[in-house]
Amino acid sequence: FNSKVDQCFGELEVLPVHAIGAVNLARLTGTPSV
């Protein structure tokens, strides 16, 4: 997590609003670590 903070999550651009989608995907797929 710390290494990606200054890289905007690497080559695939992730915006703060995408975190909403990430939460929903985690719920859908049963991936609580996300």
ModelCIF file with pLDDT and N, C-alpha, C, O atoms, coordinates in Angstrom:
data_MODEL
#
_entry.id   MODEL 
#
_entity.id                         1 
_entity.type                       polymer 
_entity.pdbx_number_of_molecules   1 
#
_entity_poly.entity_id                      1 
_entity_poly.type                           'polypeptide(L)' 
_entity_poly.nstd_linkage                   no 
_entity_poly.nstd_monomer                   no 
_entity_poly.pdbx_seq_one_letter_code       FNSKVDQCFGELEVLPVHAIGAVNLARLTGTPSV 
_entity_poly.pdbx_seq_one_letter_code_can   FNSKVDQCFGELEVLPVHAIGAVNLARLTGTPSV 
_entity_poly.pdbx_strand_id                 A 
#
loop_
_entity_poly_seq.entity_id 
_entity_poly_seq.num 
_entity_poly_seq.mon_id 
_entity_poly_seq.hetero 
1 1  PHE n 
1 2  ASN n 
1 3  SER n 
1 4  LYS n 
1 5  VAL n 
1 6  ASP n 
1 7  GLN n 
1 8  CYS n 
1 9  PHE n 
1 10 GLY n 
1 11 GLU n 
1 12 LEU n 
1 13 GLU n 
1 14 VAL n 
1 15 LEU n 
1 16 PRO n 
1 17 VAL n 
1 18 HIS n 
1 19 ALA n 
1 20 ILE n 
1 21 GLY n 
1 22 ALA n 
1 23 VAL n 
1 24 ASN n 
1 25 LEU n 
1 26 ALA n 
1 27 ARG n 
1 28 LEU n 
1 29 THR n 
1 30 GLY n 
1 31 THR n 
1 32 PRO n 
1 33 SER n 
1 34 VAL n 
#
_struct_asym.id          A 
_struct_asym.entity_id   1 
#
loop_
_ma_qa_metric.id 
_ma_qa_metric.mode 
_ma_qa_metric.name 
_ma_qa_metric.software_group_id 
_ma_qa_metric.type 
1 global pLDDT . pLDDT 
2 local  pLDDT . pLDDT 
#
_ma_qa_metric_global.metric_id      1 
_ma_qa_metric_global.metric_value   83.53 
_ma_qa_metric_global.model_id       1 
_ma_qa_metric_global.ordinal_id     1 
#
loop_
_ma_qa_metric_local.label_asym_id 
_ma_qa_metric_local.label_comp_id 
_ma_qa_metric_local.label_seq_id 
_ma_qa_metric_local.metric_id 
_ma_qa_metric_local.metric_value 
_ma_qa_metric_local.model_id 
_ma_qa_metric_local.ordinal_id 
A PHE 1  2 90.00 1 1  
A ASN 2  2 86.00 1 2  
A SER 3  2 81.00 1 3  
A LYS 4  2 67.00 1 4  
A VAL 5  2 53.00 1 5  
A ASP 6  2 45.00 1 6  
A GLN 7  2 40.00 1 7  
A CYS 8  2 42.00 1 8  
A PHE 9  2 44.00 1 9  
A GLY 10 2 49.00 1 10 
A GLU 11 2 61.00 1 11 
A LEU 12 2 76.00 1 12 
A GLU 13 2 82.00 1 13 
A VAL 14 2 87.00 1 14 
A LEU 15 2 91.00 1 15 
A PRO 16 2 92.00 1 16 
A VAL 17 2 96.00 1 17 
A HIS 18 2 96.00 1 18 
A ALA 19 2 97.00 1 19 
A ILE 20 2 98.00 1 20 
A GLY 21 2 98.00 1 21 
A ALA 22 2 98.00 1 22 
A VAL 23 2 98.00 1 23 
A ASN 24 2 98.00 1 24 
A LEU 25 2 98.00 1 25 
A ALA 26 2 98.00 1 26 
A ARG 27 2 98.00 1 27 
A LEU 28 2 98.00 1 28 
A THR 29 2 98.00 1 29 
A GLY 30 2 97.00 1 30 
A THR 31 2 97.00 1 31 
A PRO 32 2 97.00 1 32 
A SER 33 2 97.00 1 33 
A VAL 34 2 97.00 1 34 
#
loop_
_atom_site.group_PDB 
_atom_site.id 
_atom_site.type_symbol 
_atom_site.label_atom_id 
_atom_site.label_alt_id 
_atom_site.label_comp_id 
_atom_site.label_asym_id 
_atom_site.label_entity_id 
_atom_site.label_seq_id 
_atom_site.pdbx_PDB_ins_code 
_atom_site.Cartn_x 
_atom_site.Cartn_y 
_atom_site.Cartn_z 
_atom_site.occupancy 
_atom_site.B_iso_or_equiv 
_atom_site.pdbx_formal_charge 
_atom_site.auth_seq_id 
_atom_site.auth_comp_id 
_atom_site.auth_asym_id 
_atom_site.auth_atom_id 
_atom_site.pdbx_PDB_model_num 
ATOM 1   N N  . PHE A 1 1  ? 0.829   -1.200  0.000   1.00 90.00 ? 1  PHE A N  1 
ATOM 2   C CA . PHE A 1 1  ? 0.000   0.000   0.000   1.00 90.00 ? 1  PHE A CA 1 
ATOM 3   C C  . PHE A 1 1  ? 0.867   1.255   0.000   1.00 90.00 ? 1  PHE A C  1 
ATOM 4   O O  . PHE A 1 1  ? 0.626   2.176   -0.781  1.00 90.00 ? 1  PHE A O  1 
ATOM 5   N N  . ASN A 1 2  ? 1.852   1.295   0.853   1.00 86.00 ? 2  ASN A N  1 
ATOM 6   C CA . ASN A 1 2  ? 2.705   2.476   0.997   1.00 86.00 ? 2  ASN A CA 1 
ATOM 7   C C  . ASN A 1 2  ? 3.505   2.744   -0.268  1.00 86.00 ? 2  ASN A C  1 
ATOM 8   O O  . ASN A 1 2  ? 3.719   3.902   -0.625  1.00 86.00 ? 2  ASN A O  1 
ATOM 9   N N  . SER A 1 3  ? 3.950   1.700   -0.949  1.00 81.00 ? 3  SER A N  1 
ATOM 10  C CA . SER A 1 3  ? 4.760   1.884   -2.150  1.00 81.00 ? 3  SER A CA 1 
ATOM 11  C C  . SER A 1 3  ? 3.938   2.404   -3.320  1.00 81.00 ? 3  SER A C  1 
ATOM 12  O O  . SER A 1 3  ? 4.492   2.975   -4.259  1.00 81.00 ? 3  SER A O  1 
ATOM 13  N N  . LYS A 1 4  ? 2.613   2.210   -3.273  1.00 67.00 ? 4  LYS A N  1 
ATOM 14  C CA . LYS A 1 4  ? 1.766   2.633   -4.382  1.00 67.00 ? 4  LYS A CA 1 
ATOM 15  C C  . LYS A 1 4  ? 1.136   4.001   -4.177  1.00 67.00 ? 4  LYS A C  1 
ATOM 16  O O  . LYS A 1 4  ? 0.576   4.566   -5.116  1.00 67.00 ? 4  LYS A O  1 
ATOM 17  N N  . VAL A 1 5  ? 1.216   4.539   -2.978  1.00 53.00 ? 5  VAL A N  1 
ATOM 18  C CA . VAL A 1 5  ? 0.543   5.805   -2.691  1.00 53.00 ? 5  VAL A CA 1 
ATOM 19  C C  . VAL A 1 5  ? 1.039   6.914   -3.615  1.00 53.00 ? 5  VAL A C  1 
ATOM 20  O O  . VAL A 1 5  ? 0.244   7.697   -4.134  1.00 53.00 ? 5  VAL A O  1 
ATOM 21  N N  . ASP A 1 6  ? 2.361   6.980   -3.818  1.00 45.00 ? 6  ASP A N  1 
ATOM 22  C CA . ASP A 1 6  ? 2.915   8.045   -4.635  1.00 45.00 ? 6  ASP A CA 1 
ATOM 23  C C  . ASP A 1 6  ? 2.912   7.727   -6.121  1.00 45.00 ? 6  ASP A C  1 
ATOM 24  O O  . ASP A 1 6  ? 3.340   8.548   -6.932  1.00 45.00 ? 6  ASP A O  1 
ATOM 25  N N  . GLN A 1 7  ? 2.427   6.532   -6.487  1.00 40.00 ? 7  GLN A N  1 
ATOM 26  C CA . GLN A 1 7  ? 2.428   6.133   -7.885  1.00 40.00 ? 7  GLN A CA 1 
ATOM 27  C C  . GLN A 1 7  ? 1.021   6.117   -8.472  1.00 40.00 ? 7  GLN A C  1 
ATOM 28  O O  . GLN A 1 7  ? 0.814   5.642   -9.589  1.00 40.00 ? 7  GLN A O  1 
ATOM 29  N N  . CYS A 1 8  ? 0.065   6.632   -7.723  1.00 42.00 ? 8  CYS A N  1 
ATOM 30  C CA . CYS A 1 8  ? -1.339  6.559   -8.145  1.00 42.00 ? 8  CYS A CA 1 
ATOM 31  C C  . CYS A 1 8  ? -1.691  5.125   -8.547  1.00 42.00 ? 8  CYS A C  1 
ATOM 32  O O  . CYS A 1 8  ? -2.367  4.904   -9.552  1.00 42.00 ? 8  CYS A O  1 
ATOM 33  N N  . PHE A 1 9  ? -1.221  4.144   -7.746  1.00 44.00 ? 9  PHE A N  1 
ATOM 34  C CA . PHE A 1 9  ? -1.525  2.735   -7.925  1.00 44.00 ? 9  PHE A CA 1 
ATOM 35  C C  . PHE A 1 9  ? -0.936  2.159   -9.218  1.00 44.00 ? 9  PHE A C  1 
ATOM 36  O O  . PHE A 1 9  ? -1.519  1.263   -9.827  1.00 44.00 ? 9  PHE A O  1 
ATOM 37  N N  . GLY A 1 10 ? 0.210   2.675   -9.623  1.00 49.00 ? 10 GLY A N  1 
ATOM 38  C CA . GLY A 1 10 ? 0.926   2.063   -10.732 1.00 49.00 ? 10 GLY A CA 1 
ATOM 39  C C  . GLY A 1 10 ? 0.381   2.474   -12.086 1.00 49.00 ? 10 GLY A C  1 
ATOM 40  O O  . GLY A 1 10 ? -0.183  3.559   -12.229 1.00 49.00 ? 10 GLY A O  1 
ATOM 41  N N  . GLU A 1 11 ? 0.550   1.594   -13.102 1.00 61.00 ? 11 GLU A N  1 
ATOM 42  C CA . GLU A 1 11 ? 0.225   1.945   -14.482 1.00 61.00 ? 11 GLU A CA 1 
ATOM 43  C C  . GLU A 1 11 ? -1.278  2.077   -14.702 1.00 61.00 ? 11 GLU A C  1 
ATOM 44  O O  . GLU A 1 11 ? -1.711  2.916   -15.493 1.00 61.00 ? 11 GLU A O  1 
ATOM 45  N N  . LEU A 1 12 ? -2.070  1.275   -14.028 1.00 76.00 ? 12 LEU A N  1 
ATOM 46  C CA . LEU A 1 12 ? -3.517  1.350   -14.169 1.00 76.00 ? 12 LEU A CA 1 
ATOM 47  C C  . LEU A 1 12 ? -4.026  2.449   -13.237 1.00 76.00 ? 12 LEU A C  1 
ATOM 48  O O  . LEU A 1 12 ? -3.971  2.308   -12.016 1.00 76.00 ? 12 LEU A O  1 
ATOM 49  N N  . GLU A 1 13 ? -4.517  3.533   -13.813 1.00 82.00 ? 13 GLU A N  1 
ATOM 50  C CA . GLU A 1 13 ? -4.919  4.685   -13.001 1.00 82.00 ? 13 GLU A CA 1 
ATOM 51  C C  . GLU A 1 13 ? -6.171  4.362   -12.197 1.00 82.00 ? 13 GLU A C  1 
ATOM 52  O O  . GLU A 1 13 ? -7.196  3.950   -12.740 1.00 82.00 ? 13 GLU A O  1 
ATOM 53  N N  . VAL A 1 14 ? -6.060  4.557   -10.903 1.00 87.00 ? 14 VAL A N  1 
ATOM 54  C CA . VAL A 1 14 ? -7.190  4.344   -10.008 1.00 87.00 ? 14 VAL A CA 1 
ATOM 55  C C  . VAL A 1 14 ? -7.480  5.651   -9.291  1.00 87.00 ? 14 VAL A C  1 
ATOM 56  O O  . VAL A 1 14 ? -6.615  6.207   -8.614  1.00 87.00 ? 14 VAL A O  1 
ATOM 57  N N  . LEU A 1 15 ? -8.704  6.136   -9.444  1.00 91.00 ? 15 LEU A N  1 
ATOM 58  C CA . LEU A 1 15 ? -9.136  7.363   -8.787  1.00 91.00 ? 15 LEU A CA 1 
ATOM 59  C C  . LEU A 1 15 ? -9.848  7.019   -7.482  1.00 91.00 ? 15 LEU A C  1 
ATOM 60  O O  . LEU A 1 15 ? -10.331 5.898   -7.315  1.00 91.00 ? 15 LEU A O  1 
ATOM 61  N N  . PRO A 1 16 ? -9.917  7.979   -6.553  1.00 92.00 ? 16 PRO A N  1 
ATOM 62  C CA . PRO A 1 16 ? -10.610 7.702   -5.291  1.00 92.00 ? 16 PRO A CA 1 
ATOM 63  C C  . PRO A 1 16 ? -12.020 7.153   -5.482  1.00 92.00 ? 16 PRO A C  1 
ATOM 64  O O  . PRO A 1 16 ? -12.451 6.284   -4.723  1.00 92.00 ? 16 PRO A O  1 
ATOM 65  N N  . VAL A 1 17 ? -12.736 7.644   -6.478  1.00 96.00 ? 17 VAL A N  1 
ATOM 66  C CA . VAL A 1 17 ? -14.118 7.196   -6.688  1.00 96.00 ? 17 VAL A CA 1 
ATOM 67  C C  . VAL A 1 17 ? -14.170 5.714   -7.063  1.00 96.00 ? 17 VAL A C  1 
ATOM 68  O O  . VAL A 1 17 ? -15.181 5.051   -6.829  1.00 96.00 ? 17 VAL A O  1 
ATOM 69  N N  . HIS A 1 18 ? -13.096 5.195   -7.639  1.00 96.00 ? 18 HIS A N  1 
ATOM 70  C CA . HIS A 1 18 ? -13.072 3.776   -7.987  1.00 96.00 ? 18 HIS A CA 1 
ATOM 71  C C  . HIS A 1 18 ? -13.101 2.878   -6.759  1.00 96.00 ? 18 HIS A C  1 
ATOM 72  O O  . HIS A 1 18 ? -13.438 1.698   -6.857  1.00 96.00 ? 18 HIS A O  1 
ATOM 73  N N  . ALA A 1 19 ? -12.750 3.430   -5.608  1.00 97.00 ? 19 ALA A N  1 
ATOM 74  C CA . ALA A 1 19 ? -12.788 2.638   -4.376  1.00 97.00 ? 19 ALA A CA 1 
ATOM 75  C C  . ALA A 1 19 ? -14.203 2.151   -4.084  1.00 97.00 ? 19 ALA A C  1 
ATOM 76  O O  . ALA A 1 19 ? -14.382 1.105   -3.459  1.00 97.00 ? 19 ALA A O  1 
ATOM 77  N N  . ILE A 1 20 ? -15.207 2.901   -4.530  1.00 98.00 ? 20 ILE A N  1 
ATOM 78  C CA . ILE A 1 20 ? -16.595 2.436   -4.380  1.00 98.00 ? 20 ILE A CA 1 
ATOM 79  C C  . ILE A 1 20 ? -16.774 1.131   -5.138  1.00 98.00 ? 20 ILE A C  1 
ATOM 80  O O  . ILE A 1 20 ? -17.326 0.165   -4.611  1.00 98.00 ? 20 ILE A O  1 
ATOM 81  N N  . GLY A 1 21 ? -16.301 1.111   -6.381  1.00 98.00 ? 21 GLY A N  1 
ATOM 82  C CA . GLY A 1 21 ? -16.384 -0.106  -7.182  1.00 98.00 ? 21 GLY A CA 1 
ATOM 83  C C  . GLY A 1 21 ? -15.596 -1.244  -6.574  1.00 98.00 ? 21 GLY A C  1 
ATOM 84  O O  . GLY A 1 21 ? -16.017 -2.399  -6.627  1.00 98.00 ? 21 GLY A O  1 
ATOM 85  N N  . ALA A 1 22 ? -14.437 -0.914  -5.986  1.00 98.00 ? 22 ALA A N  1 
ATOM 86  C CA . ALA A 1 22 ? -13.609 -1.951  -5.377  1.00 98.00 ? 22 ALA A CA 1 
ATOM 87  C C  . ALA A 1 22 ? -14.316 -2.598  -4.193  1.00 98.00 ? 22 ALA A C  1 
ATOM 88  O O  . ALA A 1 22 ? -14.257 -3.816  -4.027  1.00 98.00 ? 22 ALA A O  1 
ATOM 89  N N  . VAL A 1 23 ? -14.979 -1.799  -3.375  1.00 98.00 ? 23 VAL A N  1 
ATOM 90  C CA . VAL A 1 23 ? -15.738 -2.353  -2.245  1.00 98.00 ? 23 VAL A CA 1 
ATOM 91  C C  . VAL A 1 23 ? -16.818 -3.300  -2.758  1.00 98.00 ? 23 VAL A C  1 
ATOM 92  O O  . VAL A 1 23 ? -16.995 -4.395  -2.225  1.00 98.00 ? 23 VAL A O  1 
ATOM 93  N N  . ASN A 1 24 ? -17.533 -2.876  -3.785  1.00 98.00 ? 24 ASN A N  1 
ATOM 94  C CA . ASN A 1 24 ? -18.615 -3.709  -4.314  1.00 98.00 ? 24 ASN A CA 1 
ATOM 95  C C  . ASN A 1 24 ? -18.092 -4.995  -4.946  1.00 98.00 ? 24 ASN A C  1 
ATOM 96  O O  . ASN A 1 24 ? -18.711 -6.051  -4.815  1.00 98.00 ? 24 ASN A O  1 
ATOM 97  N N  . LEU A 1 25 ? -16.943 -4.905  -5.636  1.00 98.00 ? 25 LEU A N  1 
ATOM 98  C CA . LEU A 1 25 ? -16.342 -6.111  -6.219  1.00 98.00 ? 25 LEU A CA 1 
ATOM 99  C C  . LEU A 1 25 ? -15.872 -7.060  -5.122  1.00 98.00 ? 25 LEU A C  1 
ATOM 100 O O  . LEU A 1 25 ? -16.005 -8.277  -5.248  1.00 98.00 ? 25 LEU A O  1 
ATOM 101 N N  . ALA A 1 26 ? -15.327 -6.503  -4.054  1.00 98.00 ? 26 ALA A N  1 
ATOM 102 C CA . ALA A 1 26 ? -14.893 -7.339  -2.935  1.00 98.00 ? 26 ALA A CA 1 
ATOM 103 C C  . ALA A 1 26 ? -16.067 -8.090  -2.331  1.00 98.00 ? 26 ALA A C  1 
ATOM 104 O O  . ALA A 1 26 ? -15.944 -9.264  -1.983  1.00 98.00 ? 26 ALA A O  1 
ATOM 105 N N  . ARG A 1 27 ? -17.207 -7.415  -2.204  1.00 98.00 ? 27 ARG A N  1 
ATOM 106 C CA . ARG A 1 27 ? -18.410 -8.068  -1.675  1.00 98.00 ? 27 ARG A CA 1 
ATOM 107 C C  . ARG A 1 27 ? -18.907 -9.150  -2.637  1.00 98.00 ? 27 ARG A C  1 
ATOM 108 O O  . ARG A 1 27 ? -19.284 -10.242 -2.214  1.00 98.00 ? 27 ARG A O  1 
ATOM 109 N N  . LEU A 1 28 ? -18.902 -8.833  -3.934  1.00 98.00 ? 28 LEU A N  1 
ATOM 110 C CA . LEU A 1 28 ? -19.407 -9.765  -4.944  1.00 98.00 ? 28 LEU A CA 1 
ATOM 111 C C  . LEU A 1 28 ? -18.590 -11.040 -4.982  1.00 98.00 ? 28 LEU A C  1 
ATOM 112 O O  . LEU A 1 28 ? -19.145 -12.134 -5.082  1.00 98.00 ? 28 LEU A O  1 
ATOM 113 N N  . THR A 1 29 ? -17.269 -10.908 -4.903  1.00 98.00 ? 29 THR A N  1 
ATOM 114 C CA . THR A 1 29 ? -16.380 -12.055 -5.088  1.00 98.00 ? 29 THR A CA 1 
ATOM 115 C C  . THR A 1 29 ? -15.914 -12.681 -3.781  1.00 98.00 ? 29 THR A C  1 
ATOM 116 O O  . THR A 1 29 ? -15.165 -13.658 -3.802  1.00 98.00 ? 29 THR A O  1 
ATOM 117 N N  . GLY A 1 30 ? -16.342 -12.141 -2.649  1.00 97.00 ? 30 GLY A N  1 
ATOM 118 C CA . GLY A 1 30 ? -15.909 -12.680 -1.369  1.00 97.00 ? 30 GLY A CA 1 
ATOM 119 C C  . GLY A 1 30 ? -14.420 -12.492 -1.143  1.00 97.00 ? 30 GLY A C  1 
ATOM 120 O O  . GLY A 1 30 ? -13.713 -13.435 -0.788  1.00 97.00 ? 30 GLY A O  1 
ATOM 121 N N  . THR A 1 31 ? -13.943 -11.256 -1.351  1.00 97.00 ? 31 THR A N  1 
ATOM 122 C CA . THR A 1 31 ? -12.525 -10.940 -1.196  1.00 97.00 ? 31 THR A CA 1 
ATOM 123 C C  . THR A 1 31 ? -12.377 -9.878  -0.114  1.00 97.00 ? 31 THR A C  1 
ATOM 124 O O  . THR A 1 31 ? -12.147 -8.711  -0.431  1.00 97.00 ? 31 THR A O  1 
ATOM 125 N N  . PRO A 1 32 ? -12.504 -10.260 1.164   1.00 97.00 ? 32 PRO A N  1 
ATOM 126 C CA . PRO A 1 32 ? -12.532 -9.265  2.245   1.00 97.00 ? 32 PRO A CA 1 
ATOM 127 C C  . PRO A 1 32 ? -11.222 -8.509  2.426   1.00 97.00 ? 32 PRO A C  1 
ATOM 128 O O  . PRO A 1 32 ? -11.229 -7.418  2.997   1.00 97.00 ? 32 PRO A O  1 
ATOM 129 N N  . SER A 1 33 ? -10.089 -9.056  1.956   1.00 97.00 ? 33 SER A N  1 
ATOM 130 C CA . SER A 1 33 ? -8.817  -8.368  2.159   1.00 97.00 ? 33 SER A CA 1 
ATOM 131 C C  . SER A 1 33 ? -8.747  -7.034  1.418   1.00 97.00 ? 33 SER A C  1 
ATOM 132 O O  . SER A 1 33 ? -7.918  -6.183  1.740   1.00 97.00 ? 33 SER A O  1 
ATOM 133 N N  . VAL A 1 34 ? -9.617  -6.855  0.426   1.00 97.00 ? 34 VAL A N  1 
ATOM 134 C CA . VAL A 1 34 ? -9.660  -5.597  -0.330  1.00 97.00 ? 34 VAL A CA 1 
ATOM 135 C C  . VAL A 1 34 ? -10.379 -4.499  0.454   1.00 97.00 ? 34 VAL A C  1 
ATOM 136 O O  . VAL A 1 34 ? -10.506 -3.375  -0.033  1.00 97.00 ? 34 VAL A O  1 
#
